[in-house]
């Protein structure tokens, strides 16, 4: 069995689940900055109260899995992204504290402070994740088995583009989740935000796709696309991915703007999640088989097979349990949120 390949799939799955689940939470956190009242803001956060902390489990699994299964990649990538990783963790911690404290604040000024901490903590966490992703895509400098780049190699126009795009994508997920979970004026407001953010995501995906083609010649060779020509023998087998992304964007826009209230409330969330999946798949195709782009592959950075095999035994037990628990919690709190109910009451 190809244990490094199996573990790369497991880690990629954990990261994708984190992006979809906690990305929605972060998007809602960003949107609370634009809420019209404390009542509306409380209703927005009530949609994620039962699940938001559990969603971050997948981030731990992704980072822990990278450390255990691909120690060399972890040893190279962490020094490359120390600052954005620390910023992300600080923002997530501050956001988590604010999530709880904002309900306990009695004074108006204190309540405003914690509301702002929750909103900006969510924004900074999303932005930092985008910086990490952008820095990962553009690659890191490696000398032998060590990181050989500079402290701020992750800060470039490309990584800033990716960071802004990730934050905008999370707003799309968050607003789509609110369409699913709320009713009345808040749902109408959320639908408008989802419509705006879907246009932003469409432009961002196009910009990042074109920019990624210029990152490394191996990416353009994989897709068979350059600024001057298209090699159809390579591009056509992969063409269904961008085509599917385009169709999903059209369907999402149709639901949000043309059909409006006539569209099922669940469909924007499903379409938004599927759109993220197509982007994730396209990214995987562009970078595979590199785990340290474009220096070291999955197999070059993996732990020994006997260690991967032993860890796989535990993962085969725990991952289904965590996944089943996540599904159970979401099913338990399914349906529209009740403005009169909250675990903070």
Protein backbone atom coordinates (compact mmCIF):
# COMPACT_ATOMS: atom_id res chain seq x y z
CA UNK A 1 0.00 0.00 0.00
CA UNK A 2 1.11 3.56 -0.73
CA UNK A 3 0.90 4.91 2.83
CA UNK A 4 2.23 8.42 2.05
CA UNK A 5 -0.45 8.83 -0.62
CA UNK A 6 -3.16 7.61 1.77
CA UNK A 7 -2.04 10.03 4.47
CA UNK A 8 -1.86 12.93 2.03
CA UNK A 9 -5.48 12.20 1.09
CA UNK A 10 -6.55 12.05 4.75
CA UNK A 11 -4.84 15.35 5.58
CA UNK A 12 -6.25 17.01 2.47
CA UNK A 13 -9.72 15.80 3.45
CA UNK A 14 -9.36 17.15 7.00
CA UNK A 15 -8.23 20.54 5.70
CA UNK A 16 -11.11 20.68 3.21
CA UNK A 17 -13.64 19.85 5.91
CA UNK A 18 -12.18 22.59 8.07
CA UNK A 19 -12.43 25.10 5.24
CA UNK A 20 -16.08 24.25 4.56
CA UNK A 21 -17.21 24.03 8.18
CA UNK A 22 -15.19 26.63 10.04
CA UNK A 23 -15.00 28.78 6.90
CA UNK A 24 -18.75 29.27 7.25
CA UNK A 25 -18.28 30.26 10.91
CA UNK A 26 -15.53 32.74 10.04
CA UNK A 27 -17.67 34.17 7.26
CA UNK A 28 -20.54 34.74 9.68
CA UNK A 29 -18.09 36.35 12.11
CA UNK A 30 -17.00 38.78 9.40
CA UNK A 31 -20.63 39.53 8.50
CA UNK A 32 -21.55 40.38 12.09
CA UNK A 33 -19.64 43.63 11.62
CA UNK A 34 -22.41 44.68 9.22
CA UNK A 35 -25.38 43.54 11.31
CA UNK A 36 -28.06 46.18 11.81
CA UNK A 37 -28.63 45.47 15.52
CA UNK A 38 -27.49 43.35 18.46
CA UNK A 39 -30.60 41.20 18.04
CA UNK A 40 -29.68 40.46 14.43
CA UNK A 41 -26.06 39.83 15.40
CA UNK A 42 -27.13 37.41 18.14
CA UNK A 43 -29.36 35.55 15.71
CA UNK A 44 -26.45 35.21 13.28
CA UNK A 45 -24.15 33.76 15.94
CA UNK A 46 -26.94 31.49 17.20
CA UNK A 47 -26.79 29.61 13.89
CA UNK A 48 -23.25 28.42 14.68
CA UNK A 49 -23.26 28.24 18.50
CA UNK A 50 -23.69 24.43 18.70
CA UNK A 51 -21.01 23.62 16.12
CA UNK A 52 -18.35 26.32 15.80
CA UNK A 53 -15.82 24.96 18.31
CA UNK A 54 -16.16 21.38 17.05
CA UNK A 55 -15.44 22.54 13.50
CA UNK A 56 -11.92 23.55 14.51
CA UNK A 57 -11.16 19.91 15.27
CA UNK A 58 -10.45 19.42 11.59
CA UNK A 59 -7.75 22.11 11.66
CA UNK A 60 -6.02 20.27 14.50
CA UNK A 61 -6.26 17.01 12.59
CA UNK A 62 -4.75 18.62 9.51
CA UNK A 63 -1.85 20.21 11.36
CA UNK A 64 -1.26 17.23 13.63
CA UNK A 65 -1.43 14.84 10.70
CA UNK A 66 1.17 16.86 8.82
CA UNK A 67 3.50 16.81 11.84
CA UNK A 68 3.13 13.05 12.38
CA UNK A 69 2.95 11.72 8.82
CA UNK A 70 5.19 14.21 6.99
CA UNK A 71 7.70 15.50 9.57
CA UNK A 72 10.15 16.85 7.00
CA UNK A 73 7.42 18.91 5.30
CA UNK A 74 6.30 20.20 8.70
CA UNK A 75 9.88 21.14 9.63
CA UNK A 76 10.25 23.14 6.40
CA UNK A 77 6.81 24.73 6.12
CA UNK A 78 6.43 25.89 9.72
CA UNK A 79 9.51 28.17 9.71
CA UNK A 80 8.34 29.51 6.35
CA UNK A 81 4.97 30.55 7.81
CA UNK A 82 5.69 31.24 11.49
CA UNK A 83 4.24 34.75 11.44
CA UNK A 84 0.94 34.08 9.58
CA UNK A 85 0.42 30.87 11.57
CA UNK A 86 0.87 32.74 14.87
CA UNK A 87 -1.43 35.50 13.64
CA UNK A 88 -4.05 32.92 12.69
CA UNK A 89 -3.86 31.15 16.04
CA UNK A 90 -4.01 34.42 17.97
CA UNK A 91 -7.03 35.54 15.94
CA UNK A 92 -8.80 32.20 16.45
CA UNK A 93 -8.18 32.35 20.21
CA UNK A 94 -9.31 35.96 20.46
CA UNK A 95 -12.36 35.16 18.35
CA UNK A 96 -13.25 32.21 20.59
CA UNK A 97 -12.97 34.30 23.75
CA UNK A 98 -15.03 37.09 22.19
CA UNK A 99 -17.70 34.61 21.10
CA UNK A 100 -18.40 33.79 24.74
CA UNK A 101 -17.70 37.15 26.38
CA UNK A 102 -19.90 39.20 24.07
CA UNK A 103 -22.96 37.54 25.61
CA UNK A 104 -21.81 38.39 29.13
CA UNK A 105 -21.02 42.05 28.55
CA UNK A 106 -23.37 44.37 30.42
CA UNK A 107 -22.01 47.78 29.47
CA UNK A 108 -22.62 48.98 25.94
CA UNK A 109 -18.97 49.91 25.36
CA UNK A 110 -17.78 46.50 26.56
CA UNK A 111 -20.32 44.76 24.36
CA UNK A 112 -19.14 46.79 21.34
CA UNK A 113 -15.55 45.81 22.12
CA UNK A 114 -16.29 42.09 22.18
CA UNK A 115 -18.50 42.31 19.10
CA UNK A 116 -15.64 43.98 17.28
CA UNK A 117 -13.18 41.41 18.61
CA UNK A 118 -15.35 38.62 17.26
CA UNK A 119 -15.73 40.26 13.84
CA UNK A 120 -12.11 41.30 13.37
CA UNK A 121 -10.78 38.09 14.91
CA UNK A 122 -12.73 36.19 12.27
CA UNK A 123 -11.45 38.49 9.52
CA UNK A 124 -7.80 38.27 10.60
CA UNK A 125 -8.01 34.47 10.95
CA UNK A 126 -9.43 34.17 7.42
CA UNK A 127 -6.83 36.60 6.05
CA UNK A 128 -3.96 34.76 7.75
CA UNK A 129 -5.17 31.45 6.34
CA UNK A 130 -5.17 33.04 2.90
CA UNK A 131 -1.60 34.25 3.38
CA UNK A 132 -0.52 30.73 4.34
CA UNK A 133 -2.32 29.23 1.36
CA UNK A 134 -0.87 31.80 -1.02
CA UNK A 135 2.63 31.27 0.34
CA UNK A 136 2.20 27.51 0.01
CA UNK A 137 1.07 27.79 -3.61
CA UNK A 138 3.93 30.06 -4.64
CA UNK A 139 6.42 27.69 -3.01
CA UNK A 140 9.19 28.01 -0.46
CA UNK A 141 12.98 28.03 -0.75
CA UNK A 142 14.65 24.83 0.43
CA UNK A 143 18.31 24.00 0.97
CA UNK A 144 18.66 20.26 1.45
CA UNK A 145 16.25 19.45 4.26
CA UNK A 146 15.80 22.96 5.68
CA UNK A 147 13.89 26.12 4.91
CA UNK A 148 16.24 28.56 3.22
CA UNK A 149 13.98 31.53 2.55
CA UNK A 150 13.38 34.82 4.29
CA UNK A 151 11.08 35.77 7.16
CA UNK A 152 8.60 37.58 4.91
CA UNK A 153 8.69 35.43 1.76
CA UNK A 154 5.01 34.72 2.38
CA UNK A 155 4.13 38.40 1.92
CA UNK A 156 3.80 39.06 -1.82
CA UNK A 157 1.12 40.53 -4.12
CA UNK A 158 0.06 36.96 -4.97
CA UNK A 159 -0.41 35.93 -1.33
CA UNK A 160 -2.35 39.14 -0.62
CA UNK A 161 -4.63 38.31 -3.55
CA UNK A 162 -5.21 34.83 -2.17
CA UNK A 163 -5.79 36.18 1.35
CA UNK A 164 -8.46 38.65 0.21
CA UNK A 165 -10.04 35.91 -1.91
CA UNK A 166 -10.19 33.44 0.99
CA UNK A 167 -11.87 36.04 3.20
CA UNK A 168 -14.39 36.78 0.45
CA UNK A 169 -14.99 33.08 -0.08
CA UNK A 170 -15.68 32.61 3.62
CA UNK A 171 -18.22 35.43 3.44
CA UNK A 172 -19.96 33.49 0.65
CA UNK A 173 -20.05 30.35 2.80
CA UNK A 174 -21.24 32.28 5.84
CA UNK A 175 -23.99 34.16 4.03
CA UNK A 176 -25.14 30.95 2.33
CA UNK A 177 -25.32 29.28 5.74
CA UNK A 178 -27.44 32.15 7.02
CA UNK A 179 -29.79 31.75 4.05
CA UNK A 180 -30.22 28.13 5.13
CA UNK A 181 -30.67 28.80 8.85
CA UNK A 182 -32.65 32.05 9.07
CA UNK A 183 -35.92 33.54 7.88
CA UNK A 184 -37.48 36.91 7.14
CA UNK A 185 -35.45 40.10 6.86
CA UNK A 186 -32.17 38.51 8.00
CA UNK A 187 -32.46 35.83 5.33
CA UNK A 188 -33.14 38.48 2.69
CA UNK A 189 -30.11 40.44 3.92
CA UNK A 190 -27.97 37.28 3.84
CA UNK A 191 -29.12 36.48 0.31
CA UNK A 192 -27.96 39.91 -0.82
CA UNK A 193 -24.53 39.37 0.77
CA UNK A 194 -24.28 35.93 -0.83
CA UNK A 195 -25.09 37.47 -4.22
CA UNK A 196 -22.37 40.11 -3.84
CA UNK A 197 -19.77 37.68 -2.55
CA UNK A 198 -20.52 35.15 -5.34
CA UNK A 199 -19.53 37.78 -7.91
CA UNK A 200 -16.37 38.52 -5.92
CA UNK A 201 -15.52 34.81 -5.72
CA UNK A 202 -16.01 34.41 -9.47
CA UNK A 203 -13.52 37.22 -10.17
CA UNK A 204 -11.13 35.98 -7.47
CA UNK A 205 -11.09 32.41 -8.79
CA UNK A 206 -10.34 33.65 -12.30
CA UNK A 207 -7.56 35.94 -11.08
CA UNK A 208 -5.94 33.30 -8.86
CA UNK A 209 -6.17 30.65 -11.61
CA UNK A 210 -4.36 32.90 -14.07
CA UNK A 211 -1.80 33.97 -11.48
CA UNK A 212 -1.12 30.36 -10.43
CA UNK A 213 -0.27 29.45 -14.03
CA UNK A 214 2.66 31.88 -13.83
CA UNK A 215 3.97 30.55 -10.50
CA UNK A 216 5.99 27.63 -11.90
CA UNK A 217 6.45 26.12 -15.37
CA UNK A 218 5.34 22.72 -14.04
CA UNK A 219 1.88 24.13 -13.33
CA UNK A 220 1.43 25.40 -16.86
CA UNK A 221 2.77 22.10 -18.16
CA UNK A 222 0.24 20.19 -16.06
CA UNK A 223 -2.71 22.20 -17.40
CA UNK A 224 -1.31 22.76 -20.89
CA UNK A 225 -2.27 26.44 -20.74
CA UNK A 226 -0.03 29.47 -21.22
CA UNK A 227 -0.74 33.10 -22.03
CA UNK A 228 0.17 32.39 -25.65
CA UNK A 229 -1.38 29.00 -26.42
CA UNK A 230 -3.41 26.04 -25.17
CA UNK A 231 -2.17 22.46 -25.50
CA UNK A 232 -5.53 20.74 -25.89
CA UNK A 233 -4.15 17.25 -25.33
CA UNK A 234 -3.35 18.20 -21.73
CA UNK A 235 -6.09 20.76 -21.10
CA UNK A 236 -9.16 18.89 -22.32
CA UNK A 237 -8.97 16.03 -19.73
CA UNK A 238 -8.84 18.69 -16.98
CA UNK A 239 -11.31 21.10 -18.59
CA UNK A 240 -14.36 19.66 -16.71
CA UNK A 241 -13.03 21.21 -13.46
CA UNK A 242 -13.12 24.89 -14.53
CA UNK A 243 -16.25 24.16 -16.56
CA UNK A 244 -17.97 22.75 -13.48
CA UNK A 245 -16.88 25.78 -11.46
CA UNK A 246 -18.44 28.04 -14.06
CA UNK A 247 -21.69 26.09 -14.06
CA UNK A 248 -21.84 26.20 -10.25
CA UNK A 249 -21.36 29.96 -10.27
CA UNK A 250 -24.15 30.39 -12.83
CA UNK A 251 -26.48 28.14 -10.80
CA UNK A 252 -25.60 30.00 -7.59
CA UNK A 253 -26.25 33.39 -9.16
CA UNK A 254 -29.54 32.11 -10.59
CA UNK A 255 -30.69 30.97 -7.15
CA UNK A 256 -29.64 34.17 -5.42
CA UNK A 257 -30.79 36.77 -7.93
CA UNK A 258 -33.32 35.34 -10.39
CA UNK A 259 -35.19 32.74 -8.35
CA UNK A 260 -34.69 34.51 -5.02
CA UNK A 261 -37.16 33.26 -2.40
CA UNK A 262 -38.42 30.61 -4.81
CA UNK A 263 -35.09 28.71 -4.64
CA UNK A 264 -34.70 26.10 -1.88
CA UNK A 265 -32.89 27.57 1.12
CA UNK A 266 -30.38 24.71 1.20
CA UNK A 267 -29.19 25.05 -2.37
CA UNK A 268 -26.93 28.16 -2.06
CA UNK A 269 -24.98 26.42 0.71
CA UNK A 270 -24.58 23.23 -1.32
CA UNK A 271 -23.55 25.15 -4.44
CA UNK A 272 -21.06 27.29 -2.48
CA UNK A 273 -19.50 24.21 -0.88
CA UNK A 274 -19.28 22.48 -4.28
CA UNK A 275 -17.60 25.59 -5.70
CA UNK A 276 -14.95 25.42 -2.97
CA UNK A 277 -14.43 21.74 -3.73
CA UNK A 278 -13.77 22.42 -7.42
CA UNK A 279 -11.21 25.07 -6.49
CA UNK A 280 -9.59 22.69 -4.02
CA UNK A 281 -9.45 19.95 -6.65
CA UNK A 282 -7.92 22.32 -9.18
CA UNK A 283 -5.30 23.36 -6.64
CA UNK A 284 -4.49 19.72 -5.88
CA UNK A 285 -4.00 18.97 -9.56
CA UNK A 286 -1.73 21.99 -9.96
CA UNK A 287 0.55 21.07 -7.03
CA UNK A 288 0.52 17.26 -6.95
CA UNK A 289 2.76 15.45 -6.04
CA UNK A 290 4.58 18.24 -4.16
CA UNK A 291 3.99 18.70 -0.45
CA UNK A 292 6.65 21.40 -0.30
CA UNK A 293 6.00 23.18 -3.62
CA UNK A 294 8.01 22.91 -5.80
CA UNK A 295 10.86 21.21 -4.00
CA UNK A 296 9.86 17.98 -2.22
CA UNK A 297 7.16 15.43 -3.01
CA UNK A 298 4.80 13.54 -0.73
CA UNK A 299 7.06 10.50 -0.68
CA UNK A 300 10.25 12.49 -0.01
CA UNK A 301 8.79 14.11 3.10
CA UNK A 302 6.87 11.16 4.56
CA UNK A 303 7.68 9.24 7.72
CA UNK A 304 8.64 5.59 7.48
CA UNK A 305 5.99 3.17 6.26
CA UNK A 306 5.83 1.26 9.55
CA UNK A 307 5.06 4.52 11.42
CA UNK A 308 2.44 5.54 8.85
CA UNK A 309 0.88 2.09 9.03
CA UNK A 310 0.65 2.20 12.83
CA UNK A 311 -0.89 5.68 12.79
CA UNK A 312 -3.33 4.62 10.11
CA UNK A 313 -4.80 2.04 12.50
CA UNK A 314 -5.69 4.79 14.98
CA UNK A 315 -6.87 7.16 12.24
CA UNK A 316 -9.17 4.50 10.76
CA UNK A 317 -10.92 4.33 14.14
CA UNK A 318 -10.95 7.97 15.23
CA UNK A 319 -11.69 9.73 11.94
CA UNK A 320 -15.02 7.92 11.37
CA UNK A 321 -15.95 8.64 14.99
CA UNK A 322 -15.23 12.37 14.61
CA UNK A 323 -17.02 12.49 11.28
CA UNK A 324 -20.05 10.66 12.72
CA UNK A 325 -20.13 13.03 15.70
CA UNK A 326 -19.97 16.05 13.38
CA UNK A 327 -22.84 14.72 11.27
CA UNK A 328 -24.85 13.94 14.40
CA UNK A 329 -24.43 17.45 15.85
CA UNK A 330 -25.41 19.12 12.58
CA UNK A 331 -28.44 16.85 12.22
CA UNK A 332 -29.44 17.46 15.85
CA UNK A 333 -29.51 21.24 15.35
CA UNK A 334 -30.87 21.14 11.80
CA UNK A 335 -33.61 23.52 10.73
CA UNK A 336 -34.19 27.23 11.16
CA UNK A 337 -32.70 28.88 14.23
CA UNK A 338 -35.18 29.95 16.90
CA UNK A 339 -34.63 33.59 17.98
CA UNK A 340 -35.98 32.71 21.44
CA UNK A 341 -33.47 29.91 22.09
CA UNK A 342 -29.75 30.10 22.80
CA UNK A 343 -27.42 28.19 25.07
CA UNK A 344 -26.28 31.55 26.48
CA UNK A 345 -29.78 32.27 27.80
